[in-house]
Amino acid sequence: MSQRIDKWLWAARFYKTRQLCIKAIKNGRISINGNISKPASSLTVGDRVKIKQGPYQREFLVNELNDKRGSATLARTLYHETERSLDAGEKLKQQLAQQPRMEMTSSKPDKRALRTGRNLKRTW
């Protein structure tokens, strides 16, 4: 049995809408078993799905297929995150916590503050 990847990502609650799923797939942020996929690509139980969300790159194994969006507890039973992905996520969290952040002020940021903020975003 197989299912479309966009429906599964929506049912597993990685994205709020199927349109956001399709957009992420078309932008190359989703891969199945190492291959960049299309929105109508088939997904089966046991497949390895990689998702890039911002600076994070997560890897999951598909446990179940479900085309209906349910509760968050039900959605967590559809996949299992790999140990390598969990370790990489923890390391990235620590690195991001140590990076300098742009300070928030009550006034409008000047040219220099905007430039440093843009440069911080580009380092991701």
PDB file of N, CA and C in Angstrom:
ATOM      1  N   MET A   1       0.839  -1.179   0.000  1.00  0.00           N
ATOM      2  CA  MET A   1       0.000   0.000   0.000  1.00  0.00           C
ATOM      3  C   MET A   1       0.885   1.244   0.000  1.00  0.00           C
ATOM      4  N   SER A   2       0.491   2.242  -0.757  1.00  0.00           N
ATOM      5  CA  SER A   2       1.268   3.477  -0.829  1.00  0.00           C
ATOM      6  C   SER A   2       0.342   4.688  -0.718  1.00  0.00           C
ATOM      7  N   GLN A   3       0.972   5.842  -0.531  1.00  0.00           N
ATOM      8  CA  GLN A   3       0.229   7.087  -0.358  1.00  0.00           C
ATOM      9  C   GLN A   3       1.045   8.237  -0.925  1.00  0.00           C
ATOM     10  N   ARG A   4       0.370   9.297  -1.337  1.00  0.00           N
ATOM     11  CA  ARG A   4       1.062  10.489  -1.822  1.00  0.00           C
ATOM     12  C   ARG A   4       1.822  11.140  -0.683  1.00  0.00           C
ATOM     13  N   ILE A   5       3.029  11.634  -0.973  1.00  0.00           N
ATOM     14  CA  ILE A   5       3.874  12.244   0.053  1.00  0.00           C
ATOM     15  C   ILE A   5       3.256  13.520   0.608  1.00  0.00           C
ATOM     16  N   ASP A   6       2.592  14.320  -0.236  1.00  0.00           N
ATOM     17  CA  ASP A   6       2.015  15.569   0.268  1.00  0.00           C
ATOM     18  C   ASP A   6       0.883  15.305   1.254  1.00  0.00           C
ATOM     19  N   LYS A   7       0.086  14.276   1.014  1.00  0.00           N
ATOM     20  CA  LYS A   7      -0.999  13.943   1.939  1.00  0.00           C
ATOM     21  C   LYS A   7      -0.443  13.424   3.261  1.00  0.00           C
ATOM     22  N   TRP A   8       0.630  12.628   3.186  1.00  0.00           N
ATOM     23  CA  TRP A   8       1.206  12.066   4.407  1.00  0.00           C
ATOM     24  C   TRP A   8       1.848  13.162   5.257  1.00  0.00           C
ATOM     25  N   LEU A   9       2.576  14.087   4.634  1.00  0.00           N
ATOM     26  CA  LEU A   9       3.193  15.188   5.383  1.00  0.00           C
ATOM     27  C   LEU A   9       2.140  16.041   6.067  1.00  0.00           C
ATOM     28  N   TRP A  10       1.015  16.253   5.397  1.00  0.00           N
ATOM     29  CA  TRP A  10      -0.084  17.019   5.980  1.00  0.00           C
ATOM     30  C   TRP A  10      -0.720  16.262   7.138  1.00  0.00           C
ATOM     31  N   ALA A  11      -0.939  14.944   6.962  1.00  0.00           N
ATOM     32  CA  ALA A  11      -1.558  14.136   8.017  1.00  0.00           C
ATOM     33  C   ALA A  11      -0.623  13.973   9.213  1.00  0.00           C
ATOM     34  N   ALA A  12       0.695  13.963   8.964  1.00  0.00           N
ATOM     35  CA  ALA A  12       1.673  13.831  10.048  1.00  0.00           C
ATOM     36  C   ALA A  12       1.963  15.165  10.719  1.00  0.00           C
ATOM     37  N   ARG A  13       1.294  16.226  10.269  1.00  0.00           N
ATOM     38  CA  ARG A  13       1.363  17.557  10.871  1.00  0.00           C
ATOM     39  C   ARG A  13       2.727  18.221  10.772  1.00  0.00           C
ATOM     40  N   PHE A  14       3.446  17.972   9.690  1.00  0.00           N
ATOM     41  CA  PHE A  14       4.680  18.706   9.453  1.00  0.00           C
ATOM     42  C   PHE A  14       4.378  20.085   8.883  1.00  0.00           C
ATOM     43  N   TYR A  15       3.264  20.208   8.165  1.00  0.00           N
ATOM     44  CA  TYR A  15       2.830  21.473   7.573  1.00  0.00           C
ATOM     45  C   TYR A  15       1.339  21.652   7.844  1.00  0.00           C
ATOM     46  N   LYS A  16       0.896  22.917   7.912  1.00  0.00           N
ATOM     47  CA  LYS A  16      -0.502  23.203   8.231  1.00  0.00           C
ATOM     48  C   LYS A  16      -1.451  22.887   7.090  1.00  0.00           C
ATOM     49  N   THR A  17      -1.009  23.095   5.858  1.00  0.00           N
ATOM     50  CA  THR A  17      -1.880  22.856   4.707  1.00  0.00           C
ATOM     51  C   THR A  17      -1.149  22.002   3.680  1.00  0.00           C
ATOM     52  N   ARG A  18      -1.918  21.383   2.796  1.00  0.00           N
ATOM     53  CA  ARG A  18      -1.308  20.594   1.728  1.00  0.00           C
ATOM     54  C   ARG A  18      -0.591  21.487   0.739  1.00  0.00           C
ATOM     55  N   GLN A  19      -1.051  22.705   0.577  1.00  0.00           N
ATOM     56  CA  GLN A  19      -0.377  23.636  -0.327  1.00  0.00           C
ATOM     57  C   GLN A  19       1.034  23.956   0.161  1.00  0.00           C
ATOM     58  N   LEU A  20       1.209  24.091   1.478  1.00  0.00           N
ATOM     59  CA  LEU A  20       2.549  24.306   2.027  1.00  0.00           C
ATOM     60  C   LEU A  20       3.421  23.063   1.816  1.00  0.00           C
ATOM     61  N   CYS A  21       2.824  21.886   1.915  1.00  0.00           N
ATOM     62  CA  CYS A  21       3.556  20.640   1.647  1.00  0.00           C
ATOM     63  C   CYS A  21       4.041  20.617   0.206  1.00  0.00           C
ATOM     64  N   ILE A  22       3.149  20.937  -0.713  1.00  0.00           N
ATOM     65  CA  ILE A  22       3.486  20.927  -2.135  1.00  0.00           C
ATOM     66  C   ILE A  22       4.591  21.940  -2.438  1.00  0.00           C
ATOM     67  N   LYS A  23       4.497  23.111  -1.816  1.00  0.00           N
ATOM     68  CA  LYS A  23       5.509  24.140  -2.032  1.00  0.00           C
ATOM     69  C   LYS A  23       6.880  23.670  -1.527  1.00  0.00           C
ATOM     70  N   ALA A  24       6.925  23.028  -0.362  1.00  0.00           N
ATOM     71  CA  ALA A  24       8.184  22.520   0.187  1.00  0.00           C
ATOM     72  C   ALA A  24       8.759  21.418  -0.698  1.00  0.00           C
ATOM     73  N   ILE A  25       7.907  20.563  -1.215  1.00  0.00           N
ATOM     74  CA  ILE A  25       8.363  19.474  -2.082  1.00  0.00           C
ATOM     75  C   ILE A  25       8.932  20.031  -3.378  1.00  0.00           C
ATOM     76  N   LYS A  26       8.242  20.999  -3.964  1.00  0.00           N
ATOM     77  CA  LYS A  26       8.709  21.592  -5.219  1.00  0.00           C
ATOM     78  C   LYS A  26      10.012  22.364  -5.040  1.00  0.00           C
ATOM     79  N   ASN A  27      10.247  22.898  -3.853  1.00  0.00           N
ATOM     80  CA  ASN A  27      11.486  23.621  -3.571  1.00  0.00           C
ATOM     81  C   ASN A  27      12.638  22.690  -3.196  1.00  0.00           C
ATOM     82  N   GLY A  28      12.404  21.388  -3.205  1.00  0.00           N
ATOM     83  CA  GLY A  28      13.469  20.431  -2.946  1.00  0.00           C
ATOM     84  C   GLY A  28      13.795  20.232  -1.485  1.00  0.00           C
ATOM     85  N   ARG A  29      12.885  20.546  -0.585  1.00  0.00           N
ATOM     86  CA  ARG A  29      13.131  20.393   0.849  1.00  0.00           C
ATOM     87  C   ARG A  29      12.765  19.018   1.370  1.00  0.00           C
ATOM     88  N   ILE A  30      12.107  18.207   0.559  1.00  0.00           N
ATOM     89  CA  ILE A  30      11.670  16.880   0.972  1.00  0.00           C
ATOM     90  C   ILE A  30      12.310  15.848   0.046  1.00  0.00           C
ATOM     91  N   SER A  31      12.870  14.788   0.641  1.00  0.00           N
ATOM     92  CA  SER A  31      13.398  13.692  -0.175  1.00  0.00           C
ATOM     93  C   SER A  31      12.950  12.363   0.432  1.00  0.00           C
ATOM     94  N   ILE A  32      12.709  11.402  -0.454  1.00  0.00           N
ATOM     95  CA  ILE A  32      12.305  10.059  -0.037  1.00  0.00           C
ATOM     96  C   ILE A  32      13.416   9.101  -0.432  1.00  0.00           C
ATOM     97  N   ASN A  33      13.963   8.405   0.557  1.00  0.00           N
ATOM     98  CA  ASN A  33      15.052   7.445   0.330  1.00  0.00           C
ATOM     99  C   ASN A  33      16.205   8.063  -0.454  1.00  0.00           C
ATOM    100  N   GLY A  34      16.526   9.325  -0.184  1.00  0.00           N
ATOM    101  CA  GLY A  34      17.641   9.995  -0.828  1.00  0.00           C
ATOM    102  C   GLY A  34      17.326  10.631  -2.167  1.00  0.00           C
ATOM    103  N   ASN A  35      16.133  10.438  -2.691  1.00  0.00           N
ATOM    104  CA  ASN A  35      15.741  11.014  -3.983  1.00  0.00           C
ATOM    105  C   ASN A  35      14.798  12.179  -3.766  1.00  0.00           C
ATOM    106  N   ILE A  36      15.058  13.287  -4.452  1.00  0.00           N
ATOM    107  CA  ILE A  36      14.158  14.434  -4.365  1.00  0.00           C
ATOM    108  C   ILE A  36      12.832  14.029  -4.995  1.00  0.00           C
ATOM    109  N   SER A  37      11.742  14.360  -4.318  1.00  0.00           N
ATOM    110  CA  SER A  37      10.438  13.849  -4.729  1.00  0.00           C
ATOM    111  C   SER A  37       9.577  14.916  -5.396  1.00  0.00           C
ATOM    112  N   LYS A  38       8.441  14.466  -5.891  1.00  0.00           N
ATOM    113  CA  LYS A  38       7.396  15.329  -6.442  1.00  0.00           C
ATOM    114  C   LYS A  38       6.176  15.183  -5.535  1.00  0.00           C
ATOM    115  N   PRO A  39       5.208  16.105  -5.589  1.00  0.00           N
ATOM    116  CA  PRO A  39       4.044  16.019  -4.706  1.00  0.00           C
ATOM    117  C   PRO A  39       3.260  14.715  -4.817  1.00  0.00           C
ATOM    118  N   ALA A  40       3.246  14.096  -5.983  1.00  0.00           N
ATOM    119  CA  ALA A  40       2.477  12.867  -6.172  1.00  0.00           C
ATOM    120  C   ALA A  40       3.336  11.618  -5.989  1.00  0.00           C
ATOM    121  N   SER A  41       4.562  11.762  -5.489  1.00  0.00           N
ATOM    122  CA  SER A  41       5.427  10.596  -5.278  1.00  0.00           C
ATOM    123  C   SER A  41       4.801   9.661  -4.259  1.00  0.00           C
ATOM    124  N   SER A  42       5.001   8.374  -4.466  1.00  0.00           N
ATOM    125  CA  SER A  42       4.437   7.369  -3.565  1.00  0.00           C
ATOM    126  C   SER A  42       5.328   7.164  -2.351  1.00  0.00           C
ATOM    127  N   LEU A  43       4.686   6.982  -1.237  1.00  0.00           N
ATOM    128  CA  LEU A  43       5.366   6.738   0.029  1.00  0.00           C
ATOM    129  C   LEU A  43       4.840   5.433   0.590  1.00  0.00           C
ATOM    130  N   THR A  44       5.712   4.561   1.059  1.00  0.00           N
ATOM    131  CA  THR A  44       5.299   3.298   1.653  1.00  0.00           C
ATOM    132  C   THR A  44       5.887   3.177   3.053  1.00  0.00           C
ATOM    133  N   VAL A  45       5.381   2.237   3.816  1.00  0.00           N
ATOM    134  CA  VAL A  45       5.871   2.002   5.168  1.00  0.00           C
ATOM    135  C   VAL A  45       7.325   1.542   5.081  1.00  0.00           C
ATOM    136  N   GLY A  46       8.173   2.126   5.918  1.00  0.00           N
ATOM    137  CA  GLY A  46       9.587   1.784   5.931  1.00  0.00           C
ATOM    138  C   GLY A  46      10.457   2.741   5.140  1.00  0.00           C
ATOM    139  N   ASP A  47       9.848   3.676   4.408  1.00  0.00           N
ATOM    140  CA  ASP A  47      10.629   4.650   3.638  1.00  0.00           C
ATOM    141  C   ASP A  47      11.306   5.642   4.576  1.00  0.00           C
ATOM    142  N   ARG A  48      12.414   6.196   4.108  1.00  0.00           N
ATOM    143  CA  ARG A  48      13.176   7.195   4.859  1.00  0.00           C
ATOM    144  C   ARG A  48      12.892   8.560   4.232  1.00  0.00           C
ATOM    145  N   VAL A  49      12.363   9.482   5.037  1.00  0.00           N
ATOM    146  CA  VAL A  49      11.976  10.815   4.567  1.00  0.00           C
ATOM    147  C   VAL A  49      12.875  11.842   5.240  1.00  0.00           C
ATOM    148  N   LYS A  50      13.499  12.723   4.422  1.00  0.00           N
ATOM    149  CA  LYS A  50      14.310  13.824   4.947  1.00  0.00           C
ATOM    150  C   LYS A  50      13.571  15.126   4.700  1.00  0.00           C
ATOM    151  N   ILE A  51      13.512  15.956   5.730  1.00  0.00           N
ATOM    152  CA  ILE A  51      12.808  17.237   5.657  1.00  0.00           C
ATOM    153  C   ILE A  51      13.753  18.333   6.109  1.00  0.00           C
ATOM    154  N   LYS A  52      13.870  19.383   5.292  1.00  0.00           N
ATOM    155  CA  LYS A  52      14.670  20.548   5.660  1.00  0.00           C
ATOM    156  C   LYS A  52      13.703  21.653   6.067  1.00  0.00           C
ATOM    157  N   GLN A  53      13.790  22.077   7.317  1.00  0.00           N
ATOM    158  CA  GLN A  53      12.951  23.163   7.825  1.00  0.00           C
ATOM    159  C   GLN A  53      13.867  24.197   8.459  1.00  0.00           C
ATOM    160  N   GLY A  54      14.078  25.298   7.758  1.00  0.00           N
ATOM    161  CA  GLY A  54      15.003  26.319   8.238  1.00  0.00           C
ATOM    162  C   GLY A  54      16.399  25.739   8.321  1.00  0.00           C
ATOM    163  N   PRO A  55      17.102  25.945   9.433  1.00  0.00           N
ATOM    164  CA  PRO A  55      18.448  25.387   9.543  1.00  0.00           C
ATOM    165  C   PRO A  55      18.447  23.895   9.899  1.00  0.00           C
ATOM    166  N   TYR A  56      17.297  23.363  10.271  1.00  0.00           N
ATOM    167  CA  TYR A  56      17.210  21.970  10.704  1.00  0.00           C
ATOM    168  C   TYR A  56      17.002  21.028   9.527  1.00  0.00           C
ATOM    169  N   GLN A  57      17.678  19.888   9.578  1.00  0.00           N
ATOM    170  CA  GLN A  57      17.462  18.829   8.599  1.00  0.00           C
ATOM    171  C   GLN A  57      17.133  17.573   9.399  1.00  0.00           C
ATOM    172  N   ARG A  58      15.887  17.108   9.256  1.00  0.00           N
ATOM    173  CA  ARG A  58      15.397  15.994  10.058  1.00  0.00           C
ATOM    174  C   ARG A  58      15.175  14.773   9.175  1.00  0.00           C
ATOM    175  N   GLU A  59      15.339  13.595   9.759  1.00  0.00           N
ATOM    176  CA  GLU A  59      15.187  12.346   9.013  1.00  0.00           C
ATOM    177  C   GLU A  59      14.233  11.431   9.779  1.00  0.00           C
ATOM    178  N   PHE A  60      13.257  10.871   9.061  1.00  0.00           N
ATOM    179  CA  PHE A  60      12.233  10.050   9.677  1.00  0.00           C
ATOM    180  C   PHE A  60      12.080   8.730   8.949  1.00  0.00           C
ATOM    181  N   LEU A  61      11.633   7.726   9.682  1.00  0.00           N
ATOM    182  CA  LEU A  61      11.212   6.460   9.098  1.00  0.00           C
ATOM    183  C   LEU A  61       9.699   6.396   9.186  1.00  0.00           C
ATOM    184  N   VAL A  62       9.049   6.004   8.108  1.00  0.00           N
ATOM    185  CA  VAL A  62       7.591   5.962   8.058  1.00  0.00           C
ATOM    186  C   VAL A  62       7.107   4.683   8.743  1.00  0.00           C
ATOM    187  N   ASN A  63       6.274   4.832   9.782  1.00  0.00           N
ATOM    188  CA  ASN A  63       5.703   3.683  10.495  1.00  0.00           C
ATOM    189  C   ASN A  63       4.341   3.290   9.935  1.00  0.00           C
ATOM    190  N   GLU A  64       3.512   4.293   9.647  1.00  0.00           N
ATOM    191  CA  GLU A  64       2.139   4.059   9.180  1.00  0.00           C
ATOM    192  C   GLU A  64       1.784   5.082   8.119  1.00  0.00           C
ATOM    193  N   LEU A  65       0.757   4.754   7.352  1.00  0.00           N
ATOM    194  CA  LEU A  65       0.217   5.686   6.372  1.00  0.00           C
ATOM    195  C   LEU A  65      -1.178   6.096   6.816  1.00  0.00           C
ATOM    196  N   ASN A  66      -1.488   7.372   6.656  1.00  0.00           N
ATOM    197  CA  ASN A  66      -2.806   7.877   7.022  1.00  0.00           C
ATOM    198  C   ASN A  66      -3.073   9.109   6.176  1.00  0.00           C
ATOM    199  N   ASP A  67      -4.196   9.130   5.471  1.00  0.00           N
ATOM    200  CA  ASP A  67      -4.491  10.274   4.622  1.00  0.00           C
ATOM    201  C   ASP A  67      -5.432  11.272   5.279  1.00  0.00           C
ATOM    202  N   LYS A  68      -5.841  10.991   6.521  1.00  0.00           N
ATOM    203  CA  LYS A  68      -6.703  11.920   7.248  1.00  0.00           C
ATOM    204  C   LYS A  68      -5.902  12.565   8.368  1.00  0.00           C
ATOM    205  N   ARG A  69      -6.096  13.851   8.523  1.00  0.00           N
ATOM    206  CA  ARG A  69      -5.381  14.602   9.555  1.00  0.00           C
ATOM    207  C   ARG A  69      -6.093  14.402  10.884  1.00  0.00           C
ATOM    208  N   GLY A  70      -5.364  13.887  11.851  1.00  0.00           N
ATOM    209  CA  GLY A  70      -5.943  13.632  13.163  1.00  0.00           C
ATOM    210  C   GLY A  70      -5.266  14.466  14.237  1.00  0.00           C
ATOM    211  N   SER A  71      -5.323  13.964  15.445  1.00  0.00           N
ATOM    212  CA  SER A  71      -4.713  14.676  16.565  1.00  0.00           C
ATOM    213  C   SER A  71      -3.194  14.590  16.481  1.00  0.00           C
ATOM    214  N   ALA A  72      -2.535  15.409  17.277  1.00  0.00           N
ATOM    215  CA  ALA A  72      -1.073  15.421  17.278  1.00  0.00           C
ATOM    216  C   ALA A  72      -0.510  14.109  17.823  1.00  0.00           C
ATOM    217  N   THR A  73      -1.183  13.507  18.794  1.00  0.00           N
ATOM    218  CA  THR A  73      -0.697  12.230  19.327  1.00  0.00           C
ATOM    219  C   THR A  73      -0.809  11.124  18.282  1.00  0.00           C
ATOM    220  N   LEU A  74      -1.862  11.157  17.484  1.00  0.00           N
ATOM    221  CA  LEU A  74      -2.011  10.196  16.398  1.00  0.00           C
ATOM    222  C   LEU A  74      -0.963  10.444  15.313  1.00  0.00           C
ATOM    223  N   ALA A  75      -0.679  11.707  15.038  1.00  0.00           N
ATOM    224  CA  ALA A  75       0.302  12.056  13.998  1.00  0.00           C
ATOM    225  C   ALA A  75       1.699  11.567  14.372  1.00  0.00           C
ATOM    226  N   ARG A  76       2.047  11.585  15.661  1.00  0.00           N
ATOM    227  CA  ARG A  76       3.376  11.128  16.082  1.00  0.00           C
ATOM    228  C   ARG A  76       3.571   9.629  15.907  1.00  0.00           C
ATOM    229  N   THR A  77       2.494   8.881  15.783  1.00  0.00           N
ATOM    230  CA  THR A  77       2.624   7.436  15.575  1.00  0.00           C
ATOM    231  C   THR A  77       2.910   7.103  14.112  1.00  0.00           C
ATOM    232  N   LEU A  78       2.783   8.071  13.221  1.00  0.00           N
ATOM    233  CA  LEU A  78       2.994   7.822  11.797  1.00  0.00           C
ATOM    234  C   LEU A  78       4.474   7.735  11.432  1.00  0.00           C
ATOM    235  N   TYR A  79       5.362   8.263  12.266  1.00  0.00           N
ATOM    236  CA  TYR A  79       6.786   8.308  11.935  1.00  0.00           C
ATOM    237  C   TYR A  79       7.640   8.097  13.178  1.00  0.00           C
ATOM    238  N   HIS A  80       8.923   7.854  12.914  1.00  0.00           N
ATOM    239  CA  HIS A  80       9.907   7.698  13.975  1.00  0.00           C
ATOM    240  C   HIS A  80      11.171   8.434  13.537  1.00  0.00           C
ATOM    241  N   GLU A  81      11.639   9.381  14.340  1.00  0.00           N
ATOM    242  CA  GLU A  81      12.842  10.130  13.979  1.00  0.00           C
ATOM    243  C   GLU A  81      14.080   9.295  14.291  1.00  0.00           C
ATOM    244  N   THR A  82      15.045   9.305  13.376  1.00  0.00           N
ATOM    245  CA  THR A  82      16.252   8.495  13.548  1.00  0.00           C
ATOM    246  C   THR A  82      17.157   9.108  14.619  1.00  0.00           C
ATOM    247  N   GLU A  83      18.007   8.275  15.200  1.00  0.00           N
ATOM    248  CA  GLU A  83      18.934   8.730  16.246  1.00  0.00           C
ATOM    249  C   GLU A  83      19.912   9.758  15.691  1.00  0.00           C
ATOM    250  N   ARG A  84      20.397   9.525  14.480  1.00  0.00           N
ATOM    251  CA  ARG A  84      21.350  10.454  13.868  1.00  0.00           C
ATOM    252  C   ARG A  84      20.718  11.837  13.719  1.00  0.00           C
ATOM    253  N   SER A  85      19.444  11.878  13.352  1.00  0.00           N
ATOM    254  CA  SER A  85      18.735  13.139  13.183  1.00  0.00           C
ATOM    255  C   SER A  85      18.546  13.844  14.531  1.00  0.00           C
ATOM    256  N   LEU A  86      18.219  13.083  15.562  1.00  0.00           N
ATOM    257  CA  LEU A  86      18.049  13.670  16.898  1.00  0.00           C
ATOM    258  C   LEU A  86      19.354  14.275  17.401  1.00  0.00           C
ATOM    259  N   ASP A  87      20.477  13.556  17.210  1.00  0.00           N
ATOM    260  CA  ASP A  87      21.782  14.056  17.647  1.00  0.00           C
ATOM    261  C   ASP A  87      22.168  15.323  16.892  1.00  0.00           C
ATOM    262  N   ALA A  88      21.952  15.331  15.584  1.00  0.00           N
ATOM    263  CA  ALA A  88      22.282  16.506  14.770  1.00  0.00           C
ATOM    264  C   ALA A  88      21.426  17.698  15.185  1.00  0.00           C
ATOM    265  N   GLY A  89      20.166  17.458  15.507  1.00  0.00           N
ATOM    266  CA  GLY A  89      19.283  18.531  15.950  1.00  0.00           C
ATOM    267  C   GLY A  89      19.724  19.142  17.263  1.00  0.00           C
ATOM    268  N   GLU A  90      20.171  18.305  18.194  1.00  0.00           N
ATOM    269  CA  GLU A  90      20.666  18.807  19.482  1.00  0.00           C
ATOM    270  C   GLU A  90      21.930  19.643  19.304  1.00  0.00           C
ATOM    271  N   LYS A  91      22.847  19.180  18.441  1.00  0.00           N
ATOM    272  CA  LYS A  91      24.077  19.938  18.186  1.00  0.00           C
ATOM    273  C   LYS A  91      23.761  21.288  17.564  1.00  0.00           C
ATOM    274  N   LEU A  92      22.825  21.290  16.621  1.00  0.00           N
ATOM    275  CA  LEU A  92      22.449  22.533  15.959  1.00  0.00           C
ATOM    276  C   LEU A  92      21.777  23.495  16.933  1.00  0.00           C
ATOM    277  N   LYS A  93      20.954  22.974  17.835  1.00  0.00           N
ATOM    278  CA  LYS A  93      20.318  23.824  18.857  1.00  0.00           C
ATOM    279  C   LYS A  93      21.370  24.517  19.707  1.00  0.00           C
ATOM    280  N   GLN A  94      22.392  23.760  20.108  1.00  0.00           N
ATOM    281  CA  GLN A  94      23.456  24.330  20.935  1.00  0.00           C
ATOM    282  C   GLN A  94      24.240  25.391  20.167  1.00  0.00           C
ATOM    283  N   GLN A  95      24.509  25.136  18.889  1.00  0.00           N
ATOM    284  CA  GLN A  95      25.236  26.115  18.082  1.00  0.00           C
ATOM    285  C   GLN A  95      24.420  27.391  17.904  1.00  0.00           C
ATOM    286  N   LEU A  96      23.123  27.247  17.664  1.00  0.00           N
ATOM    287  CA  LEU A  96      22.276  28.419  17.472  1.00  0.00           C
ATOM    288  C   LEU A  96      22.126  29.217  18.758  1.00  0.00           C
ATOM    289  N   ALA A  97      22.149  28.535  19.894  1.00  0.00           N
ATOM    290  CA  ALA A  97      22.031  29.230  21.173  1.00  0.00           C
ATOM    291  C   ALA A  97      23.274  30.075  21.455  1.00  0.00           C
ATOM    292  N   GLN A  98      24.423  29.676  20.916  1.00  0.00           N
ATOM    293  CA  GLN A  98      25.669  30.401  21.164  1.00  0.00           C
ATOM    294  C   GLN A  98      25.893  31.554  20.192  1.00  0.00           C
ATOM    295  N   GLN A  99      25.125  31.612  19.100  1.00  0.00           N
ATOM    296  CA  GLN A  99      25.302  32.674  18.123  1.00  0.00           C
ATOM    297  C   GLN A  99      24.822  34.006  18.678  1.00  0.00           C
ATOM    298  N   PRO A 100      25.491  35.105  18.284  1.00  0.00           N
ATOM    299  CA  PRO A 100      25.018  36.417  18.733  1.00  0.00           C
ATOM    300  C   PRO A 100      23.672  36.733  18.089  1.00  0.00           C
ATOM    301  N   ARG A 101      22.845  37.413  18.833  1.00  0.00           N
ATOM    302  CA  ARG A 101      21.511  37.772  18.329  1.00  0.00           C
ATOM    303  C   ARG A 101      21.385  39.272  18.228  1.00  0.00           C
ATOM    304  N   MET A 102      20.498  39.679  17.368  1.00  0.00           N
ATOM    305  CA  MET A 102      20.238  41.098  17.199  1.00  0.00           C
ATOM    306  C   MET A 102      19.402  41.586  18.379  1.00  0.00           C
ATOM    307  N   GLU A 103      19.845  42.651  19.009  1.00  0.00           N
ATOM    308  CA  GLU A 103      19.135  43.172  20.174  1.00  0.00           C
ATOM    309  C   GLU A 103      17.906  43.958  19.739  1.00  0.00           C
ATOM    310  N   MET A 104      16.835  43.786  20.476  1.00  0.00           N
ATOM    311  CA  MET A 104      15.600  44.504  20.186  1.00  0.00           C
ATOM    312  C   MET A 104      15.607  45.831  20.954  1.00  0.00           C
ATOM    313  N   THR A 105      15.329  46.887  20.250  1.00  0.00           N
ATOM    314  CA  THR A 105      15.236  48.199  20.880  1.00  0.00           C
ATOM    315  C   THR A 105      13.838  48.749  20.650  1.00  0.00           C
ATOM    316  N   SER A 106      13.522  49.791  21.355  1.00  0.00           N
ATOM    317  CA  SER A 106      12.189  50.368  21.210  1.00  0.00           C
ATOM    318  C   SER A 106      12.105  51.267  19.975  1.00  0.00           C
ATOM    319  N   SER A 107      13.259  51.676  19.447  1.00  0.00           N
ATOM    320  CA  SER A 107      13.235  52.542  18.269  1.00  0.00           C
ATOM    321  C   SER A 107      13.412  51.728  16.990  1.00  0.00           C
ATOM    322  N   LYS A 108      13.215  52.389  15.880  1.00  0.00           N
ATOM    323  CA  LYS A 108      13.362  51.758  14.578  1.00  0.00           C
ATOM    324  C   LYS A 108      14.853  51.473  14.331  1.00  0.00           C
ATOM    325  N   PRO A 109      15.203  50.280  13.805  1.00  0.00           N
ATOM    326  CA  PRO A 109      16.619  49.976  13.582  1.00  0.00           C
ATOM    327  C   PRO A 109      17.218  50.844  12.474  1.00  0.00           C
ATOM    328  N   ASP A 110      18.475  51.234  12.686  1.00  0.00           N
ATOM    329  CA  ASP A 110      19.140  52.020  11.658  1.00  0.00           C
ATOM    330  C   ASP A 110      19.754  51.115  10.590  1.00  0.00           C
ATOM    331  N   LYS A 111      20.451  51.721   9.651  1.00  0.00           N
ATOM    332  CA  LYS A 111      21.002  50.992   8.513  1.00  0.00           C
ATOM    333  C   LYS A 111      21.974  49.890   8.950  1.00  0.00           C
ATOM    334  N   ARG A 112      22.829  50.192   9.909  1.00  0.00           N
ATOM    335  CA  ARG A 112      23.836  49.241  10.376  1.00  0.00           C
ATOM    336  C   ARG A 112      23.177  48.044  11.057  1.00  0.00           C
ATOM    337  N   ALA A 113      22.161  48.299  11.873  1.00  0.00           N
ATOM    338  CA  ALA A 113      21.468  47.208  12.571  1.00  0.00           C
ATOM    339  C   ALA A 113      20.753  46.293  11.578  1.00  0.00           C
ATOM    340  N   LEU A 114      20.152  46.866  10.555  1.00  0.00           N
ATOM    341  CA  LEU A 114      19.487  46.051   9.533  1.00  0.00           C
ATOM    342  C   LEU A 114      20.496  45.182   8.786  1.00  0.00           C
ATOM    343  N   ARG A 115      21.655  45.744   8.477  1.00  0.00           N
ATOM    344  CA  ARG A 115      22.684  45.016   7.752  1.00  0.00           C
ATOM    345  C   ARG A 115      23.216  43.846   8.588  1.00  0.00           C
ATOM    346  N   THR A 116      23.462  44.061   9.873  1.00  0.00           N
ATOM    347  CA  THR A 116      23.959  42.968  10.716  1.00  0.00           C
ATOM    348  C   THR A 116      22.895  41.891  10.894  1.00  0.00           C
ATOM    349  N   GLY A 117      21.635  42.293  10.954  1.00  0.00           N
ATOM    350  CA  GLY A 117      20.553  41.313  11.050  1.00  0.00           C
ATOM    351  C   GLY A 117      20.469  40.443   9.811  1.00  0.00           C
ATOM    352  N   ARG A 118      20.625  41.077   8.638  1.00  0.00           N
ATOM    353  CA  ARG A 118      20.618  40.310   7.387  1.00  0.00           C
ATOM    354  C   ARG A 118      21.792  39.351   7.325  1.00  0.00           C
ATOM    355  N   ASN A 119      22.949  39.795   7.788  1.00  0.00           N
ATOM    356  CA  ASN A 119      24.133  38.925   7.767  1.00  0.00           C
ATOM    357  C   ASN A 119      23.984  37.742   8.717  1.00  0.00           C
ATOM    358  N   LEU A 120      23.334  37.958   9.847  1.00  0.00           N
ATOM    359  CA  LEU A 120      23.075  36.852  10.772  1.00  0.00           C
ATOM    360  C   LEU A 120      22.184  35.800  10.132  1.00  0.00           C
ATOM    361  N   LYS A 121      21.169  36.236   9.395  1.00  0.00           N
ATOM    362  CA  LYS A 121      20.262  35.299   8.729  1.00  0.00           C
ATOM    363  C   LYS A 121      20.974  34.501   7.636  1.00  0.00           C
ATOM    364  N   ARG A 122      21.928  35.140   6.959  1.00  0.00           N
ATOM    365  CA  ARG A 122      22.640  34.456   5.872  1.00  0.00           C
ATOM    366  C   ARG A 122      23.570  33.375   6.382  1.00  0.00           C
ATOM    367  N   THR A 123      24.006  33.434   7.622  1.00  0.00           N
ATOM    368  CA  THR A 123      24.920  32.419   8.150  1.00  0.00           C
ATOM    369  C   THR A 123      24.228  31.081   8.372  1.00  0.00           C
ATOM    370  N   TRP A 124      22.910  31.064   8.362  1.00  0.00           N
ATOM    371  CA  TRP A 124      22.180  29.802   8.528  1.00  0.00           C
ATOM    372  C   TRP A 124      22.351  29.020   7.302  1.00  0.00           C
TER     373      TRP A 124
END
